[in-house]
């Protein structure tokens, strides 16, 4: 959405950027739910050598926050559009409204959405730094566990 400011309000380009943002958000929600379903049914390899308990708990907390963001942000976006009385586009379909039009709710949800987005940048950066820490300092198999085996 940061690119929307590059286009004049009401222009087709700005509307395209917004629509792509909305559809990408819904896709993030769908793929995150699918991933959580997959993870609940399949185990994943252990970290070798095992990290200290405190580090494992910190990682679990960061992962919980990331999943909360990946689910919460699209839902908040959907609430914002619904509360503003706008349809939620999704590849030629319109998703149903989650709430009735409500300007106060839309404003509050938008503020929360933007705050979480800003905090999310730091969370994603922390996650990336942690992955590098595991690889170069701990010298464990964290990064190799993430590779897809074909």
N, C-alpha and C. Protein backbone atom coordinates (compact mmCIF):
# COMPACT_ATOMS: atom_id res chain seq x y z
N UNK A 1 0.81 -1.20 0.00
CA UNK A 1 0.00 0.00 0.00
C UNK A 1 0.86 1.26 0.00
N UNK A 2 2.11 1.13 0.36
CA UNK A 2 2.98 2.31 0.38
C UNK A 2 3.08 2.96 -1.00
N UNK A 3 2.85 2.19 -2.06
CA UNK A 3 2.96 2.72 -3.42
C UNK A 3 1.72 3.50 -3.85
N UNK A 4 0.63 3.40 -3.12
CA UNK A 4 -0.59 4.08 -3.55
C UNK A 4 -0.39 5.59 -3.62
N UNK A 5 0.50 6.12 -2.77
CA UNK A 5 0.76 7.56 -2.77
C UNK A 5 1.43 8.05 -4.05
N UNK A 6 1.98 7.13 -4.83
CA UNK A 6 2.63 7.51 -6.09
C UNK A 6 1.61 7.81 -7.18
N UNK A 7 0.35 7.49 -6.90
CA UNK A 7 -0.69 7.67 -7.91
C UNK A 7 -1.77 8.61 -7.40
N UNK A 8 -2.35 9.36 -8.30
CA UNK A 8 -3.39 10.32 -7.97
C UNK A 8 -4.64 9.60 -7.44
N UNK A 9 -5.28 10.20 -6.43
CA UNK A 9 -6.51 9.62 -5.88
C UNK A 9 -7.53 9.42 -6.99
N UNK A 10 -8.15 8.23 -6.97
CA UNK A 10 -9.18 7.94 -7.95
C UNK A 10 -8.67 7.45 -9.29
N UNK A 11 -7.35 7.46 -9.48
CA UNK A 11 -6.79 7.02 -10.77
C UNK A 11 -6.88 5.50 -10.88
N UNK A 12 -6.97 4.99 -12.11
CA UNK A 12 -7.03 3.53 -12.29
C UNK A 12 -5.80 2.82 -11.70
N UNK A 13 -4.64 3.47 -11.77
CA UNK A 13 -3.42 2.85 -11.24
C UNK A 13 -3.49 2.70 -9.73
N UNK A 14 -3.98 3.74 -9.08
CA UNK A 14 -4.11 3.68 -7.61
C UNK A 14 -5.12 2.61 -7.21
N UNK A 15 -6.22 2.53 -7.92
CA UNK A 15 -7.23 1.51 -7.62
C UNK A 15 -6.67 0.11 -7.85
N UNK A 16 -5.82 -0.04 -8.87
CA UNK A 16 -5.19 -1.34 -9.13
C UNK A 16 -4.27 -1.73 -7.97
N UNK A 17 -3.45 -0.78 -7.51
CA UNK A 17 -2.54 -1.04 -6.39
C UNK A 17 -3.34 -1.47 -5.16
N UNK A 18 -4.44 -0.77 -4.89
CA UNK A 18 -5.26 -1.11 -3.74
C UNK A 18 -5.88 -2.50 -3.90
N UNK A 19 -6.41 -2.80 -5.09
CA UNK A 19 -7.02 -4.12 -5.31
C UNK A 19 -6.00 -5.24 -5.16
N UNK A 20 -4.81 -5.04 -5.70
CA UNK A 20 -3.75 -6.05 -5.57
C UNK A 20 -3.41 -6.24 -4.10
N UNK A 21 -3.34 -5.16 -3.34
CA UNK A 21 -3.06 -5.23 -1.90
C UNK A 21 -4.13 -6.06 -1.18
N UNK A 22 -5.37 -5.78 -1.48
CA UNK A 22 -6.47 -6.50 -0.83
C UNK A 22 -6.42 -7.99 -1.17
N UNK A 23 -6.23 -8.30 -2.44
CA UNK A 23 -6.20 -9.71 -2.85
C UNK A 23 -4.99 -10.43 -2.28
N UNK A 24 -3.85 -9.75 -2.23
CA UNK A 24 -2.64 -10.35 -1.65
C UNK A 24 -2.87 -10.65 -0.17
N UNK A 25 -3.56 -9.74 0.52
CA UNK A 25 -3.85 -9.96 1.94
C UNK A 25 -4.70 -11.20 2.15
N UNK A 26 -5.72 -11.37 1.32
CA UNK A 26 -6.58 -12.54 1.45
C UNK A 26 -5.79 -13.81 1.13
N UNK A 27 -4.91 -13.74 0.12
CA UNK A 27 -4.06 -14.90 -0.20
C UNK A 27 -3.15 -15.24 0.97
N UNK A 28 -2.59 -14.24 1.62
CA UNK A 28 -1.75 -14.48 2.81
C UNK A 28 -2.56 -15.21 3.87
N UNK A 29 -3.79 -14.77 4.09
CA UNK A 29 -4.65 -15.42 5.07
C UNK A 29 -4.91 -16.89 4.69
N UNK A 30 -5.25 -17.13 3.44
CA UNK A 30 -5.54 -18.50 2.98
C UNK A 30 -4.31 -19.39 3.13
N UNK A 31 -3.16 -18.91 2.65
CA UNK A 31 -1.94 -19.73 2.72
C UNK A 31 -1.48 -19.95 4.16
N UNK A 32 -1.68 -18.97 5.02
CA UNK A 32 -1.29 -19.13 6.42
C UNK A 32 -2.16 -20.18 7.10
N UNK A 33 -3.45 -20.15 6.84
CA UNK A 33 -4.35 -21.16 7.42
C UNK A 33 -3.98 -22.55 6.89
N UNK A 34 -3.69 -22.65 5.59
CA UNK A 34 -3.27 -23.93 5.02
C UNK A 34 -1.97 -24.41 5.66
N UNK A 35 -1.02 -23.50 5.86
CA UNK A 35 0.26 -23.87 6.47
C UNK A 35 0.07 -24.35 7.90
N UNK A 36 -0.76 -23.66 8.65
CA UNK A 36 -1.02 -24.09 10.03
C UNK A 36 -1.69 -25.46 10.05
N UNK A 37 -2.59 -25.71 9.11
CA UNK A 37 -3.21 -27.03 9.01
C UNK A 37 -2.19 -28.10 8.70
N UNK A 38 -1.28 -27.80 7.77
CA UNK A 38 -0.22 -28.75 7.41
C UNK A 38 0.69 -29.01 8.61
N UNK A 39 1.10 -27.93 9.30
CA UNK A 39 2.01 -28.08 10.44
C UNK A 39 1.37 -28.85 11.58
N UNK A 40 0.04 -28.75 11.70
CA UNK A 40 -0.62 -29.48 12.78
C UNK A 40 -0.68 -30.98 12.51
N UNK A 41 -0.50 -31.38 11.26
CA UNK A 41 -0.58 -32.79 10.90
C UNK A 41 0.78 -33.43 10.61
N UNK A 42 1.80 -32.62 10.47
CA UNK A 42 3.12 -33.14 10.11
C UNK A 42 4.18 -32.59 11.06
N UNK A 43 5.10 -33.44 11.44
CA UNK A 43 6.19 -33.00 12.30
C UNK A 43 7.28 -32.36 11.43
N UNK A 44 8.15 -31.67 12.05
CA UNK A 44 9.27 -31.07 11.34
C UNK A 44 10.54 -31.45 12.09
N UNK A 45 11.67 -31.46 11.38
CA UNK A 45 12.92 -31.92 12.00
C UNK A 45 13.33 -31.06 13.20
N UNK A 46 13.98 -31.67 14.14
CA UNK A 46 14.49 -30.95 15.31
C UNK A 46 15.70 -30.11 14.92
N UNK A 47 15.95 -29.09 15.72
CA UNK A 47 17.14 -28.27 15.52
C UNK A 47 18.31 -29.02 16.14
N UNK A 48 19.38 -29.15 15.36
CA UNK A 48 20.57 -29.86 15.82
C UNK A 48 21.77 -28.93 15.64
N UNK A 49 22.52 -28.69 16.71
CA UNK A 49 22.29 -29.05 18.10
C UNK A 49 21.11 -28.24 18.67
N UNK A 50 20.43 -28.81 19.66
CA UNK A 50 19.25 -28.13 20.22
C UNK A 50 19.63 -26.79 20.86
N UNK A 51 18.79 -25.79 20.67
CA UNK A 51 19.07 -24.48 21.28
C UNK A 51 18.75 -24.52 22.77
N UNK A 52 19.25 -23.55 23.51
CA UNK A 52 18.88 -23.46 24.94
C UNK A 52 17.36 -23.28 25.06
N UNK A 53 16.82 -23.67 26.17
CA UNK A 53 15.37 -23.61 26.39
C UNK A 53 14.85 -22.18 26.21
N UNK A 54 15.58 -21.18 26.75
CA UNK A 54 15.12 -19.80 26.67
C UNK A 54 15.03 -19.35 25.21
N UNK A 55 15.97 -19.79 24.38
CA UNK A 55 15.98 -19.41 22.98
C UNK A 55 14.83 -20.09 22.23
N UNK A 56 14.57 -21.33 22.58
CA UNK A 56 13.46 -22.06 21.98
C UNK A 56 12.12 -21.37 22.32
N UNK A 57 11.98 -20.93 23.57
CA UNK A 57 10.76 -20.24 23.99
C UNK A 57 10.62 -18.88 23.31
N UNK A 58 11.73 -18.18 23.16
CA UNK A 58 11.71 -16.90 22.45
C UNK A 58 11.30 -17.10 20.99
N UNK A 59 11.86 -18.13 20.36
CA UNK A 59 11.51 -18.43 18.97
C UNK A 59 10.02 -18.75 18.85
N UNK A 60 9.50 -19.52 19.79
CA UNK A 60 8.07 -19.86 19.76
C UNK A 60 7.22 -18.60 19.90
N UNK A 61 7.64 -17.67 20.74
CA UNK A 61 6.91 -16.42 20.92
C UNK A 61 6.94 -15.58 19.64
N UNK A 62 8.11 -15.49 19.00
CA UNK A 62 8.22 -14.74 17.75
C UNK A 62 7.37 -15.39 16.65
N UNK A 63 7.39 -16.72 16.58
CA UNK A 63 6.57 -17.41 15.57
C UNK A 63 5.09 -17.17 15.84
N UNK A 64 4.69 -17.19 17.09
CA UNK A 64 3.29 -16.92 17.44
C UNK A 64 2.91 -15.51 16.99
N UNK A 65 3.79 -14.55 17.24
CA UNK A 65 3.53 -13.17 16.82
C UNK A 65 3.45 -13.06 15.29
N UNK A 66 4.34 -13.75 14.59
CA UNK A 66 4.30 -13.73 13.13
C UNK A 66 3.00 -14.32 12.60
N UNK A 67 2.60 -15.47 13.14
CA UNK A 67 1.34 -16.08 12.70
C UNK A 67 0.15 -15.19 13.06
N UNK A 68 0.21 -14.56 14.23
CA UNK A 68 -0.85 -13.63 14.60
C UNK A 68 -0.96 -12.48 13.61
N UNK A 69 0.20 -11.99 13.18
CA UNK A 69 0.22 -10.92 12.19
C UNK A 69 -0.30 -11.41 10.84
N UNK A 70 0.12 -12.60 10.42
CA UNK A 70 -0.28 -13.13 9.12
C UNK A 70 -1.78 -13.44 9.05
N UNK A 71 -2.39 -13.68 10.18
CA UNK A 71 -3.84 -13.91 10.22
C UNK A 71 -4.57 -12.60 10.53
N UNK A 72 -4.06 -11.86 11.50
CA UNK A 72 -4.74 -10.65 11.94
C UNK A 72 -4.76 -9.52 10.93
N UNK A 73 -3.66 -9.32 10.23
CA UNK A 73 -3.61 -8.21 9.28
C UNK A 73 -4.64 -8.35 8.15
N UNK A 74 -4.73 -9.50 7.49
CA UNK A 74 -5.77 -9.61 6.46
C UNK A 74 -7.19 -9.48 7.03
N UNK A 75 -7.41 -10.05 8.21
CA UNK A 75 -8.74 -9.93 8.81
C UNK A 75 -9.07 -8.48 9.15
N UNK A 76 -8.08 -7.76 9.68
CA UNK A 76 -8.30 -6.33 9.96
C UNK A 76 -8.58 -5.56 8.67
N UNK A 77 -7.83 -5.86 7.61
CA UNK A 77 -8.08 -5.21 6.33
C UNK A 77 -9.49 -5.47 5.83
N UNK A 78 -9.93 -6.70 5.98
CA UNK A 78 -11.28 -7.09 5.57
C UNK A 78 -12.32 -6.33 6.41
N UNK A 79 -12.07 -6.21 7.71
CA UNK A 79 -12.97 -5.46 8.59
C UNK A 79 -13.00 -3.99 8.17
N UNK A 80 -11.84 -3.43 7.85
CA UNK A 80 -11.78 -2.02 7.43
C UNK A 80 -12.66 -1.79 6.21
N UNK A 81 -12.45 -2.60 5.17
CA UNK A 81 -13.24 -2.42 3.95
C UNK A 81 -14.72 -2.63 4.22
N UNK A 82 -15.05 -3.65 5.01
CA UNK A 82 -16.45 -3.90 5.34
C UNK A 82 -17.06 -2.72 6.09
N UNK A 83 -16.34 -2.21 7.09
CA UNK A 83 -16.84 -1.10 7.90
C UNK A 83 -16.95 0.19 7.09
N UNK A 84 -16.13 0.31 6.04
CA UNK A 84 -16.23 1.47 5.15
C UNK A 84 -17.33 1.30 4.12
N UNK A 85 -17.95 0.11 4.09
CA UNK A 85 -19.02 -0.15 3.13
C UNK A 85 -18.52 -0.54 1.75
N UNK A 86 -17.26 -0.94 1.66
CA UNK A 86 -16.67 -1.34 0.38
C UNK A 86 -16.66 -2.86 0.24
N UNK A 87 -16.74 -3.29 -1.00
CA UNK A 87 -16.61 -4.72 -1.28
C UNK A 87 -15.15 -5.13 -1.15
N UNK A 88 -14.93 -6.39 -0.84
CA UNK A 88 -13.57 -6.93 -0.75
C UNK A 88 -13.34 -7.76 -2.02
N UNK A 89 -12.53 -7.24 -2.96
CA UNK A 89 -12.32 -7.96 -4.22
C UNK A 89 -11.39 -9.15 -4.02
N UNK A 90 -11.70 -10.22 -4.73
CA UNK A 90 -10.82 -11.39 -4.68
C UNK A 90 -10.91 -12.11 -6.02
N UNK A 91 -10.04 -11.72 -6.93
CA UNK A 91 -9.93 -12.34 -8.25
C UNK A 91 -11.28 -12.49 -8.94
N UNK A 92 -11.97 -11.38 -9.07
CA UNK A 92 -13.24 -11.36 -9.79
C UNK A 92 -14.46 -11.62 -8.92
N UNK A 93 -14.25 -12.00 -7.67
CA UNK A 93 -15.35 -12.23 -6.74
C UNK A 93 -15.37 -11.11 -5.71
N UNK A 94 -16.48 -10.97 -5.04
CA UNK A 94 -16.58 -10.04 -3.92
C UNK A 94 -16.84 -10.86 -2.66
N UNK A 95 -15.96 -10.73 -1.68
CA UNK A 95 -16.13 -11.46 -0.42
C UNK A 95 -17.19 -10.76 0.42
N UNK A 96 -17.91 -11.51 1.22
CA UNK A 96 -18.97 -10.90 2.04
C UNK A 96 -18.38 -9.98 3.12
N UNK A 97 -19.16 -9.01 3.51
CA UNK A 97 -18.75 -8.09 4.56
C UNK A 97 -18.67 -8.85 5.89
N UNK A 98 -17.67 -8.53 6.68
CA UNK A 98 -17.54 -9.14 8.01
C UNK A 98 -18.32 -8.36 9.07
N UNK A 99 -18.50 -7.05 8.83
CA UNK A 99 -19.23 -6.19 9.76
C UNK A 99 -20.08 -5.22 8.96
N UNK A 100 -21.04 -4.62 9.64
CA UNK A 100 -21.88 -3.59 9.01
C UNK A 100 -21.06 -2.30 8.89
N UNK A 101 -21.43 -1.43 7.96
CA UNK A 101 -20.73 -0.15 7.85
C UNK A 101 -20.72 0.60 9.19
N UNK A 102 -19.53 1.09 9.54
CA UNK A 102 -19.34 1.77 10.83
C UNK A 102 -18.05 2.56 10.74
N UNK A 103 -18.18 3.89 10.58
CA UNK A 103 -17.00 4.74 10.39
C UNK A 103 -16.04 4.67 11.57
N UNK A 104 -16.55 4.64 12.79
CA UNK A 104 -15.68 4.60 13.97
C UNK A 104 -14.89 3.29 14.00
N UNK A 105 -15.54 2.19 13.71
CA UNK A 105 -14.86 0.90 13.68
C UNK A 105 -13.81 0.87 12.57
N UNK A 106 -14.15 1.42 11.42
CA UNK A 106 -13.21 1.45 10.30
C UNK A 106 -11.96 2.24 10.68
N UNK A 107 -12.14 3.38 11.32
CA UNK A 107 -11.00 4.20 11.73
C UNK A 107 -10.13 3.51 12.75
N UNK A 108 -10.75 2.88 13.74
CA UNK A 108 -10.00 2.18 14.78
C UNK A 108 -9.25 0.99 14.18
N UNK A 109 -9.93 0.22 13.33
CA UNK A 109 -9.29 -0.94 12.71
C UNK A 109 -8.14 -0.51 11.81
N UNK A 110 -8.30 0.60 11.13
CA UNK A 110 -7.22 1.09 10.25
C UNK A 110 -6.00 1.51 11.05
N UNK A 111 -6.22 2.16 12.19
CA UNK A 111 -5.09 2.54 13.05
C UNK A 111 -4.35 1.31 13.55
N UNK A 112 -5.09 0.30 13.97
CA UNK A 112 -4.47 -0.94 14.46
C UNK A 112 -3.73 -1.64 13.33
N UNK A 113 -4.35 -1.67 12.15
CA UNK A 113 -3.74 -2.30 10.97
C UNK A 113 -2.40 -1.64 10.64
N UNK A 114 -2.38 -0.32 10.66
CA UNK A 114 -1.14 0.42 10.36
C UNK A 114 -0.10 0.22 11.45
N UNK A 115 -0.50 0.20 12.71
CA UNK A 115 0.44 -0.02 13.81
C UNK A 115 1.07 -1.41 13.71
N UNK A 116 0.24 -2.42 13.47
CA UNK A 116 0.77 -3.77 13.35
C UNK A 116 1.71 -3.87 12.15
N UNK A 117 1.39 -3.18 11.06
CA UNK A 117 2.27 -3.19 9.89
C UNK A 117 3.63 -2.63 10.26
N UNK A 118 3.65 -1.51 10.98
CA UNK A 118 4.92 -0.91 11.39
C UNK A 118 5.70 -1.83 12.33
N UNK A 119 5.01 -2.41 13.30
CA UNK A 119 5.67 -3.34 14.22
C UNK A 119 6.12 -4.60 13.47
N UNK A 120 5.35 -4.98 12.46
CA UNK A 120 5.67 -6.17 11.67
C UNK A 120 6.99 -6.06 10.96
N UNK A 121 7.34 -4.86 10.51
CA UNK A 121 8.65 -4.68 9.86
C UNK A 121 9.77 -5.09 10.82
N UNK A 122 9.66 -4.65 12.07
CA UNK A 122 10.66 -5.01 13.07
C UNK A 122 10.65 -6.49 13.38
N UNK A 123 9.47 -7.07 13.46
CA UNK A 123 9.34 -8.49 13.75
C UNK A 123 9.95 -9.34 12.63
N UNK A 124 9.70 -8.95 11.40
CA UNK A 124 10.27 -9.68 10.26
C UNK A 124 11.79 -9.53 10.25
N UNK A 125 12.27 -8.33 10.56
CA UNK A 125 13.71 -8.12 10.65
C UNK A 125 14.34 -8.96 11.75
N UNK A 126 13.69 -9.02 12.91
CA UNK A 126 14.16 -9.86 14.02
C UNK A 126 14.23 -11.32 13.59
N UNK A 127 13.22 -11.77 12.88
CA UNK A 127 13.18 -13.15 12.41
C UNK A 127 14.34 -13.44 11.46
N UNK A 128 14.61 -12.51 10.57
CA UNK A 128 15.73 -12.69 9.62
C UNK A 128 17.07 -12.70 10.35
N UNK A 129 17.25 -11.79 11.30
CA UNK A 129 18.49 -11.75 12.08
C UNK A 129 18.65 -13.04 12.88
N UNK A 130 17.56 -13.54 13.44
CA UNK A 130 17.62 -14.79 14.21
C UNK A 130 18.03 -15.96 13.32
N UNK A 131 17.52 -16.00 12.10
CA UNK A 131 17.91 -17.08 11.17
C UNK A 131 19.40 -17.02 10.88
N UNK A 132 19.91 -15.82 10.66
CA UNK A 132 21.35 -15.66 10.41
C UNK A 132 22.17 -16.02 11.65
N UNK A 133 21.67 -15.64 12.82
CA UNK A 133 22.33 -15.99 14.08
C UNK A 133 22.43 -17.52 14.22
N UNK A 134 21.34 -18.19 13.95
CA UNK A 134 21.35 -19.66 14.02
C UNK A 134 22.38 -20.24 13.06
N UNK A 135 22.44 -19.69 11.86
CA UNK A 135 23.31 -20.26 10.84
C UNK A 135 24.79 -19.96 11.09
N UNK A 136 25.09 -18.70 11.41
CA UNK A 136 26.50 -18.30 11.49
C UNK A 136 27.09 -18.34 12.90
N UNK A 137 26.28 -18.17 13.94
CA UNK A 137 26.79 -18.16 15.30
C UNK A 137 26.54 -19.52 15.97
N UNK A 138 25.30 -19.95 15.99
CA UNK A 138 24.97 -21.23 16.60
C UNK A 138 25.45 -22.41 15.74
N UNK A 139 25.54 -22.17 14.44
CA UNK A 139 25.94 -23.19 13.47
C UNK A 139 25.06 -24.45 13.58
N UNK A 140 23.76 -24.20 13.68
CA UNK A 140 22.82 -25.33 13.73
C UNK A 140 22.13 -25.50 12.38
N UNK A 141 21.15 -26.37 12.33
CA UNK A 141 20.52 -26.72 11.06
C UNK A 141 19.21 -25.96 10.80
N UNK A 142 19.01 -24.83 11.47
CA UNK A 142 17.75 -24.11 11.34
C UNK A 142 17.44 -23.75 9.89
N UNK A 143 18.37 -23.16 9.19
CA UNK A 143 18.11 -22.77 7.79
C UNK A 143 17.92 -23.98 6.89
N UNK A 144 18.70 -25.01 7.09
CA UNK A 144 18.57 -26.19 6.22
C UNK A 144 17.24 -26.91 6.47
N UNK A 145 16.64 -26.75 7.66
CA UNK A 145 15.32 -27.34 7.95
C UNK A 145 14.24 -26.67 7.14
N UNK A 146 14.49 -25.44 6.69
CA UNK A 146 13.47 -24.69 5.96
C UNK A 146 13.46 -24.99 4.46
N UNK A 147 14.47 -25.66 3.98
CA UNK A 147 14.54 -25.95 2.55
C UNK A 147 13.48 -26.96 2.16
N UNK A 148 12.89 -26.72 0.99
CA UNK A 148 11.93 -27.68 0.46
C UNK A 148 12.68 -28.83 -0.18
N UNK A 149 12.29 -30.01 0.15
CA UNK A 149 12.91 -31.20 -0.46
C UNK A 149 11.97 -31.69 -1.55
N UNK A 150 12.51 -31.79 -2.76
CA UNK A 150 11.65 -32.15 -3.89
C UNK A 150 11.79 -33.55 -4.34
